[in-house]
PDB file of N, CA and C in Angstrom:
ATOM      1  N   MET A   1       0.845  -1.181   0.000  1.00  0.00           N
ATOM      2  CA  MET A   1       0.000   0.000   0.000  1.00  0.00           C
ATOM      3  C   MET A   1       0.890   1.244   0.000  1.00  0.00           C
ATOM      4  N   VAL A   2       0.538   2.192  -0.804  1.00  0.00           N
ATOM      5  CA  VAL A   2       1.308   3.420  -0.941  1.00  0.00           C
ATOM      6  C   VAL A   2       0.820   4.420   0.092  1.00  0.00           C
ATOM      7  N   GLY A   3       1.741   5.203   0.667  1.00  0.00           N
ATOM      8  CA  GLY A   3       1.390   6.182   1.690  1.00  0.00           C
ATOM      9  C   GLY A   3       0.474   7.273   1.170  1.00  0.00           C
ATOM     10  N   VAL A   4      -0.104   8.004   2.078  1.00  0.00           N
ATOM     11  CA  VAL A   4      -1.042   9.069   1.734  1.00  0.00           C
ATOM     12  C   VAL A   4      -0.345  10.181   0.975  1.00  0.00           C
ATOM     13  N   HIS A   5       0.898  10.461   1.334  1.00  0.00           N
ATOM     14  CA  HIS A   5       1.611  11.585   0.737  1.00  0.00           C
ATOM     15  C   HIS A   5       2.241  11.244  -0.613  1.00  0.00           C
ATOM     16  N   ALA A   6       2.171  10.000  -1.047  1.00  0.00           N
ATOM     17  CA  ALA A   6       2.844   9.610  -2.284  1.00  0.00           C
ATOM     18  C   ALA A   6       2.179  10.236  -3.511  1.00  0.00           C
ATOM     19  N   GLN A   7       0.879  10.441  -3.475  1.00  0.00           N
ATOM     20  CA  GLN A   7       0.176  10.968  -4.629  1.00  0.00           C
ATOM     21  C   GLN A   7       0.162  12.487  -4.647  1.00  0.00           C
ATOM     22  N   GLY A   8       0.096  13.105  -3.489  1.00  0.00           N
ATOM     23  CA  GLY A   8       0.017  14.557  -3.406  1.00  0.00           C
ATOM     24  C   GLY A   8       1.365  15.173  -3.099  1.00  0.00           C
ATOM     25  N   ALA A   9       1.342  16.212  -2.308  1.00  0.00           N
ATOM     26  CA  ALA A   9       2.566  16.907  -1.909  1.00  0.00           C
ATOM     27  C   ALA A   9       3.382  16.027  -0.975  1.00  0.00           C
ATOM     28  N   PRO A  10       4.715  16.157  -1.004  1.00  0.00           N
ATOM     29  CA  PRO A  10       5.552  15.361  -0.090  1.00  0.00           C
ATOM     30  C   PRO A  10       5.335  15.801   1.356  1.00  0.00           C
ATOM     31  N   SER A  11       5.678  14.907   2.272  1.00  0.00           N
ATOM     32  CA  SER A  11       5.546  15.266   3.679  1.00  0.00           C
ATOM     33  C   SER A  11       6.488  16.417   4.007  1.00  0.00           C
ATOM     34  N   TRP A  12       6.239  17.085   5.109  1.00  0.00           N
ATOM     35  CA  TRP A  12       6.996  18.282   5.465  1.00  0.00           C
ATOM     36  C   TRP A  12       8.476  17.999   5.612  1.00  0.00           C
ATOM     37  N   TRP A  13       8.828  16.803   6.115  1.00  0.00           N
ATOM     38  CA  TRP A  13      10.231  16.464   6.358  1.00  0.00           C
ATOM     39  C   TRP A  13      11.017  16.310   5.064  1.00  0.00           C
ATOM     40  N   ARG A  14      10.352  16.125   3.937  1.00  0.00           N
ATOM     41  CA  ARG A  14      11.044  15.942   2.661  1.00  0.00           C
ATOM     42  C   ARG A  14      11.070  17.215   1.816  1.00  0.00           C
ATOM     43  N   THR A  15      10.568  18.310   2.356  1.00  0.00           N
ATOM     44  CA  THR A  15      10.649  19.580   1.645  1.00  0.00           C
ATOM     45  C   THR A  15      11.999  20.226   1.921  1.00  0.00           C
ATOM     46  N   ARG A  16      12.302  21.287   1.193  1.00  0.00           N
ATOM     47  CA  ARG A  16      13.569  21.995   1.420  1.00  0.00           C
ATOM     48  C   ARG A  16      13.660  22.527   2.845  1.00  0.00           C
ATOM     49  N   THR A  17      12.575  23.072   3.325  1.00  0.00           N
ATOM     50  CA  THR A  17      12.561  23.631   4.681  1.00  0.00           C
ATOM     51  C   THR A  17      12.774  22.532   5.716  1.00  0.00           C
ATOM     52  N   GLY A  18      12.116  21.411   5.541  1.00  0.00           N
ATOM     53  CA  GLY A  18      12.261  20.310   6.487  1.00  0.00           C
ATOM     54  C   GLY A  18      13.672  19.767   6.529  1.00  0.00           C
ATOM     55  N   ILE A  19      14.295  19.615   5.354  1.00  0.00           N
ATOM     56  CA  ILE A  19      15.668  19.122   5.304  1.00  0.00           C
ATOM     57  C   ILE A  19      16.615  20.126   5.952  1.00  0.00           C
ATOM     58  N   ALA A  20      16.379  21.421   5.729  1.00  0.00           N
ATOM     59  CA  ALA A  20      17.220  22.451   6.345  1.00  0.00           C
ATOM     60  C   ALA A  20      17.073  22.435   7.868  1.00  0.00           C
ATOM     61  N   VAL A  21      15.857  22.269   8.363  1.00  0.00           N
ATOM     62  CA  VAL A  21      15.624  22.217   9.812  1.00  0.00           C
ATOM     63  C   VAL A  21      16.326  21.006  10.408  1.00  0.00           C
ATOM     64  N   ILE A  22      16.237  19.862   9.733  1.00  0.00           N
ATOM     65  CA  ILE A  22      16.911  18.652  10.220  1.00  0.00           C
ATOM     66  C   ILE A  22      18.417  18.867  10.256  1.00  0.00           C
ATOM     67  N   GLY A  23      18.965  19.496   9.210  1.00  0.00           N
ATOM     68  CA  GLY A  23      20.404  19.767   9.176  1.00  0.00           C
ATOM     69  C   GLY A  23      20.853  20.670  10.299  1.00  0.00           C
ATOM     70  N   PHE A  24      20.125  21.770  10.520  1.00  0.00           N
ATOM     71  CA  PHE A  24      20.477  22.678  11.615  1.00  0.00           C
ATOM     72  C   PHE A  24      20.339  21.995  12.970  1.00  0.00           C
ATOM     73  N   ALA A  25      19.323  21.155  13.134  1.00  0.00           N
ATOM     74  CA  ALA A  25      19.134  20.454  14.408  1.00  0.00           C
ATOM     75  C   ALA A  25      20.282  19.473  14.664  1.00  0.00           C
ATOM     76  N   LEU A  26      20.745  18.790  13.617  1.00  0.00           N
ATOM     77  CA  LEU A  26      21.872  17.867  13.793  1.00  0.00           C
ATOM     78  C   LEU A  26      23.157  18.596  14.157  1.00  0.00           C
ATOM     79  N   VAL A  27      23.407  19.731  13.506  1.00  0.00           N
ATOM     80  CA  VAL A  27      24.609  20.512  13.822  1.00  0.00           C
ATOM     81  C   VAL A  27      24.523  21.045  15.248  1.00  0.00           C
ATOM     82  N   ALA A  28      23.371  21.563  15.638  1.00  0.00           N
ATOM     83  CA  ALA A  28      23.199  22.077  17.002  1.00  0.00           C
ATOM     84  C   ALA A  28      23.363  20.962  18.028  1.00  0.00           C
ATOM     85  N   ALA A  29      22.804  19.785  17.756  1.00  0.00           N
ATOM     86  CA  ALA A  29      22.932  18.658  18.685  1.00  0.00           C
ATOM     87  C   ALA A  29      24.395  18.235  18.823  1.00  0.00           C
ATOM     88  N   PHE A  30      25.132  18.264  17.709  1.00  0.00           N
ATOM     89  CA  PHE A  30      26.549  17.913  17.764  1.00  0.00           C
ATOM     90  C   PHE A  30      27.313  18.854  18.685  1.00  0.00           C
ATOM     91  N   TYR A  31      27.112  20.161  18.525  1.00  0.00           N
ATOM     92  CA  TYR A  31      27.855  21.122  19.339  1.00  0.00           C
ATOM     93  C   TYR A  31      27.411  21.094  20.802  1.00  0.00           C
ATOM     94  N   VAL A  32      26.128  20.893  21.050  1.00  0.00           N
ATOM     95  CA  VAL A  32      25.663  20.819  22.440  1.00  0.00           C
ATOM     96  C   VAL A  32      26.231  19.576  23.115  1.00  0.00           C
ATOM     97  N   LEU A  33      26.185  18.440  22.421  1.00  0.00           N
ATOM     98  CA  LEU A  33      26.727  17.213  23.013  1.00  0.00           C
ATOM     99  C   LEU A  33      28.246  17.291  23.181  1.00  0.00           C
ATOM    100  N   ARG A  34      28.917  17.966  22.268  1.00  0.00           N
ATOM    101  CA  ARG A  34      30.369  18.076  22.369  1.00  0.00           C
ATOM    102  C   ARG A  34      30.773  18.879  23.611  1.00  0.00           C
ATOM    103  N   GLU A  35      30.028  19.911  23.903  1.00  0.00           N
ATOM    104  CA  GLU A  35      30.336  20.745  25.071  1.00  0.00           C
ATOM    105  C   GLU A  35      29.860  20.129  26.383  1.00  0.00           C
ATOM    106  N   HIS A  36      28.816  19.327  26.336  1.00  0.00           N
ATOM    107  CA  HIS A  36      28.205  18.793  27.559  1.00  0.00           C
ATOM    108  C   HIS A  36      28.206  17.271  27.560  1.00  0.00           C
ATOM    109  N   TRP A  37      29.278  16.669  27.056  1.00  0.00           N
ATOM    110  CA  TRP A  37      29.380  15.216  26.943  1.00  0.00           C
ATOM    111  C   TRP A  37      29.237  14.518  28.298  1.00  0.00           C
ATOM    112  N   GLY A  38      29.892  15.031  29.305  1.00  0.00           N
ATOM    113  CA  GLY A  38      29.827  14.420  30.635  1.00  0.00           C
ATOM    114  C   GLY A  38      28.440  14.501  31.251  1.00  0.00           C
ATOM    115  N   HIS A  39      27.781  15.619  31.040  1.00  0.00           N
ATOM    116  CA  HIS A  39      26.422  15.754  31.568  1.00  0.00           C
ATOM    117  C   HIS A  39      25.454  14.825  30.846  1.00  0.00           C
ATOM    118  N   ALA A  40      25.613  14.694  29.534  1.00  0.00           N
ATOM    119  CA  ALA A  40      24.699  13.859  28.754  1.00  0.00           C
ATOM    120  C   ALA A  40      24.812  12.398  29.168  1.00  0.00           C
ATOM    121  N   PHE A  41      26.036  11.891  29.319  1.00  0.00           N
ATOM    122  CA  PHE A  41      26.185  10.502  29.729  1.00  0.00           C
ATOM    123  C   PHE A  41      25.933  10.308  31.216  1.00  0.00           C
ATOM    124  N   GLY A  42      26.055  11.349  31.996  1.00  0.00           N
ATOM    125  CA  GLY A  42      25.715  11.245  33.417  1.00  0.00           C
ATOM    126  C   GLY A  42      24.227  11.093  33.638  1.00  0.00           C
ATOM    127  N   ALA A  43      23.431  11.648  32.733  1.00  0.00           N
ATOM    128  CA  ALA A  43      21.982  11.554  32.851  1.00  0.00           C
ATOM    129  C   ALA A  43      21.409  10.348  32.122  1.00  0.00           C
ATOM    130  N   LEU A  44      22.228   9.593  31.408  1.00  0.00           N
ATOM    131  CA  LEU A  44      21.741   8.460  30.624  1.00  0.00           C
ATOM    132  C   LEU A  44      21.016   7.403  31.455  1.00  0.00           C
ATOM    133  N   PRO A  45      21.521   6.970  32.613  1.00  0.00           N
ATOM    134  CA  PRO A  45      20.765   5.976  33.397  1.00  0.00           C
ATOM    135  C   PRO A  45      19.395   6.492  33.837  1.00  0.00           C
ATOM    136  N   TYR A  46      19.328   7.759  34.178  1.00  0.00           N
ATOM    137  CA  TYR A  46      18.044   8.312  34.603  1.00  0.00           C
ATOM    138  C   TYR A  46      17.075   8.417  33.431  1.00  0.00           C
ATOM    139  N   SER A  47      17.572   8.723  32.241  1.00  0.00           N
ATOM    140  CA  SER A  47      16.680   8.816  31.089  1.00  0.00           C
ATOM    141  C   SER A  47      16.175   7.444  30.666  1.00  0.00           C
ATOM    142  N   ILE A  48      16.983   6.404  30.877  1.00  0.00           N
ATOM    143  CA  ILE A  48      16.495   5.052  30.596  1.00  0.00           C
ATOM    144  C   ILE A  48      15.386   4.689  31.575  1.00  0.00           C
ATOM    145  N   LEU A  49      15.565   5.030  32.841  1.00  0.00           N
ATOM    146  CA  LEU A  49      14.516   4.762  33.827  1.00  0.00           C
ATOM    147  C   LEU A  49      13.264   5.588  33.555  1.00  0.00           C
ATOM    148  N   LEU A  50      13.422   6.799  33.068  1.00  0.00           N
ATOM    149  CA  LEU A  50      12.278   7.634  32.738  1.00  0.00           C
ATOM    150  C   LEU A  50      11.563   7.132  31.492  1.00  0.00           C
ATOM    151  N   ALA A  51      12.282   6.476  30.597  1.00  0.00           N
ATOM    152  CA  ALA A  51      11.681   5.975  29.370  1.00  0.00           C
ATOM    153  C   ALA A  51      10.672   4.864  29.652  1.00  0.00           C
ATOM    154  N   CYS A  52      10.873   4.076  30.694  1.00  0.00           N
ATOM    155  CA  CYS A  52       9.964   2.965  30.996  1.00  0.00           C
ATOM    156  C   CYS A  52       8.531   3.441  31.248  1.00  0.00           C
ATOM    157  N   PRO A  53       8.292   4.365  32.185  1.00  0.00           N
ATOM    158  CA  PRO A  53       6.908   4.800  32.377  1.00  0.00           C
ATOM    159  C   PRO A  53       6.351   5.553  31.184  1.00  0.00           C
ATOM    160  N   LEU A  54       7.203   6.288  30.466  1.00  0.00           N
ATOM    161  CA  LEU A  54       6.705   7.003  29.294  1.00  0.00           C
ATOM    162  C   LEU A  54       6.287   6.032  28.197  1.00  0.00           C
ATOM    163  N   LEU A  55       7.041   4.962  27.996  1.00  0.00           N
ATOM    164  CA  LEU A  55       6.657   3.958  27.012  1.00  0.00           C
ATOM    165  C   LEU A  55       5.363   3.277  27.406  1.00  0.00           C
ATOM    166  N   HIS A  56       5.193   2.959  28.680  1.00  0.00           N
ATOM    167  CA  HIS A  56       3.941   2.355  29.121  1.00  0.00           C
ATOM    168  C   HIS A  56       2.774   3.310  28.930  1.00  0.00           C
ATOM    169  N   LEU A  57       3.013   4.574  29.171  1.00  0.00           N
ATOM    170  CA  LEU A  57       1.946   5.561  29.029  1.00  0.00           C
ATOM    171  C   LEU A  57       1.510   5.697  27.576  1.00  0.00           C
ATOM    172  N   PHE A  58       2.466   5.771  26.659  1.00  0.00           N
ATOM    173  CA  PHE A  58       2.125   6.028  25.264  1.00  0.00           C
ATOM    174  C   PHE A  58       1.923   4.758  24.438  1.00  0.00           C
ATOM    175  N   MET A  59       2.619   3.689  24.748  1.00  0.00           N
ATOM    176  CA  MET A  59       2.545   2.495  23.905  1.00  0.00           C
ATOM    177  C   MET A  59       1.378   1.570  24.265  1.00  0.00           C
ATOM    178  N   HIS A  60       0.930   1.568  25.495  1.00  0.00           N
ATOM    179  CA  HIS A  60      -0.162   0.693  25.900  1.00  0.00           C
ATOM    180  C   HIS A  60      -1.514   1.372  25.779  1.00  0.00           C
ATOM    181  N   HIS A  61      -1.579   2.419  25.009  1.00  0.00           N
ATOM    182  CA  HIS A  61      -2.814   3.192  24.892  1.00  0.00           C
ATOM    183  C   HIS A  61      -3.919   2.401  24.195  1.00  0.00           C
ATOM    184  N   GLY A  62      -3.603   1.527  23.275  1.00  0.00           N
ATOM    185  CA  GLY A  62      -4.621   0.839  22.493  1.00  0.00           C
ATOM    186  C   GLY A  62      -4.921  -0.574  22.930  1.00  0.00           C
ATOM    187  N   HIS A  63      -4.486  -1.001  24.116  1.00  0.00           N
ATOM    188  CA  HIS A  63      -4.696  -2.372  24.541  1.00  0.00           C
ATOM    189  C   HIS A  63      -6.048  -2.618  25.188  1.00  0.00           C
ATOM    190  N   GLY A  64      -6.832  -1.606  25.431  1.00  0.00           N
ATOM    191  CA  GLY A  64      -8.122  -1.808  26.063  1.00  0.00           C
ATOM    192  C   GLY A  64      -8.044  -1.899  27.572  1.00  0.00           C
ATOM    193  N   HIS A  65      -6.967  -1.457  28.178  1.00  0.00           N
ATOM    194  CA  HIS A  65      -6.863  -1.458  29.632  1.00  0.00           C
ATOM    195  C   HIS A  65      -7.841  -0.448  30.214  1.00  0.00           C
ATOM    196  N   GLY A  66      -8.301  -0.712  31.393  1.00  0.00           N
ATOM    197  CA  GLY A  66      -9.207   0.214  32.059  1.00  0.00           C
ATOM    198  C   GLY A  66     -10.671  -0.110  31.827  1.00  0.00           C
ATOM    199  N   GLY A  67     -10.980  -1.257  31.257  1.00  0.00           N
ATOM    200  CA  GLY A  67     -12.369  -1.653  31.085  1.00  0.00           C
ATOM    201  C   GLY A  67     -13.055  -1.026  29.894  1.00  0.00           C
ATOM    202  N   GLY A  68     -12.355  -0.322  29.056  1.00  0.00           N
ATOM    203  CA  GLY A  68     -12.998   0.323  27.923  1.00  0.00           C
ATOM    204  C   GLY A  68     -12.821  -0.429  26.622  1.00  0.00           C
ATOM    205  N   GLY A  69     -12.326  -1.663  26.684  1.00  0.00           N
ATOM    206  CA  GLY A  69     -12.072  -2.424  25.468  1.00  0.00           C
ATOM    207  C   GLY A  69     -13.335  -3.018  24.884  1.00  0.00           C
ATOM    208  N   GLN A  70     -13.190  -3.756  23.785  1.00  0.00           N
ATOM    209  CA  GLN A  70     -14.347  -4.313  23.107  1.00  0.00           C
ATOM    210  C   GLN A  70     -14.939  -5.500  23.856  1.00  0.00           C
ATOM    211  N   ASN A  71     -14.199  -6.157  24.730  1.00  0.00           N
ATOM    212  CA  ASN A  71     -14.695  -7.297  25.488  1.00  0.00           C
ATOM    213  C   ASN A  71     -15.076  -6.929  26.910  1.00  0.00           C
ATOM    214  N   ALA A  72     -15.257  -5.652  27.176  1.00  0.00           N
ATOM    215  CA  ALA A  72     -15.508  -5.210  28.556  1.00  0.00           C
ATOM    216  C   ALA A  72     -16.800  -5.774  29.102  1.00  0.00           C
ATOM    217  N   GLY A  73     -17.834  -5.855  28.336  1.00  0.00           N
ATOM    218  CA  GLY A  73     -19.117  -6.336  28.836  1.00  0.00           C
ATOM    219  C   GLY A  73     -19.559  -7.612  28.191  1.00  0.00           C
ATOM    220  N   SER A  74     -18.637  -8.439  27.720  1.00  0.00           N
ATOM    221  CA  SER A  74     -19.011  -9.631  26.962  1.00  0.00           C
ATOM    222  C   SER A  74     -19.615 -10.730  27.828  1.00  0.00           C
ATOM    223  N   ASP A  75     -19.273 -10.791  29.123  1.00  0.00           N
ATOM    224  CA  ASP A  75     -19.822 -11.866  29.930  1.00  0.00           C
ATOM    225  C   ASP A  75     -20.987 -11.397  30.799  1.00  0.00           C
ATOM    226  N   ARG A  76     -21.558 -10.258  30.524  1.00  0.00           N
ATOM    227  CA  ARG A  76     -22.736  -9.813  31.261  1.00  0.00           C
ATOM    228  C   ARG A  76     -23.960 -10.569  30.765  1.00  0.00           C
ATOM    229  N   GLY A  77     -24.732 -11.010  31.688  1.00  0.00           N
ATOM    230  CA  GLY A  77     -25.988 -11.671  31.338  1.00  0.00           C
ATOM    231  C   GLY A  77     -25.819 -13.130  30.992  1.00  0.00           C
ATOM    232  N   THR A  78     -24.633 -13.687  31.028  1.00  0.00           N
ATOM    233  CA  THR A  78     -24.437 -15.098  30.701  1.00  0.00           C
ATOM    234  C   THR A  78     -24.385 -15.974  31.943  1.00  0.00           C
ATOM    235  N   GLY A  79     -24.300 -15.346  33.097  1.00  0.00           N
ATOM    236  CA  GLY A  79     -24.261 -16.097  34.323  1.00  0.00           C
ATOM    237  C   GLY A  79     -22.876 -16.622  34.664  1.00  0.00           C
ATOM    238  N   ALA A  80     -21.892 -16.294  33.893  1.00  0.00           N
ATOM    239  CA  ALA A  80     -20.521 -16.742  34.165  1.00  0.00           C
ATOM    240  C   ALA A  80     -19.919 -15.934  35.289  1.00  0.00           C
ATOM    241  N   LYS A  81     -19.144 -16.604  36.137  1.00  0.00           N
ATOM    242  CA  LYS A  81     -18.512 -15.931  37.255  1.00  0.00           C
ATOM    243  C   LYS A  81     -17.037 -16.103  37.212  1.00  0.00           C
TER     244      LYS A  81
END
């Protein structure tokens, strides 16, 4: 299946402006990391620990947790316990 943007205008990231923004962001990230290398790697264990709850928050959004899924009321009225 072909993407939505294949027939019409390209996505923003593939335009001249998008490529320029990506280039400037990469150069800025290089210089920031070069100057603050020790701080960046010092915070790495904490960012890995922070990634766990953030992944659970954003990635488990479609699993039907919380009783709102499609099988939430499937055994009502059947007498099953």
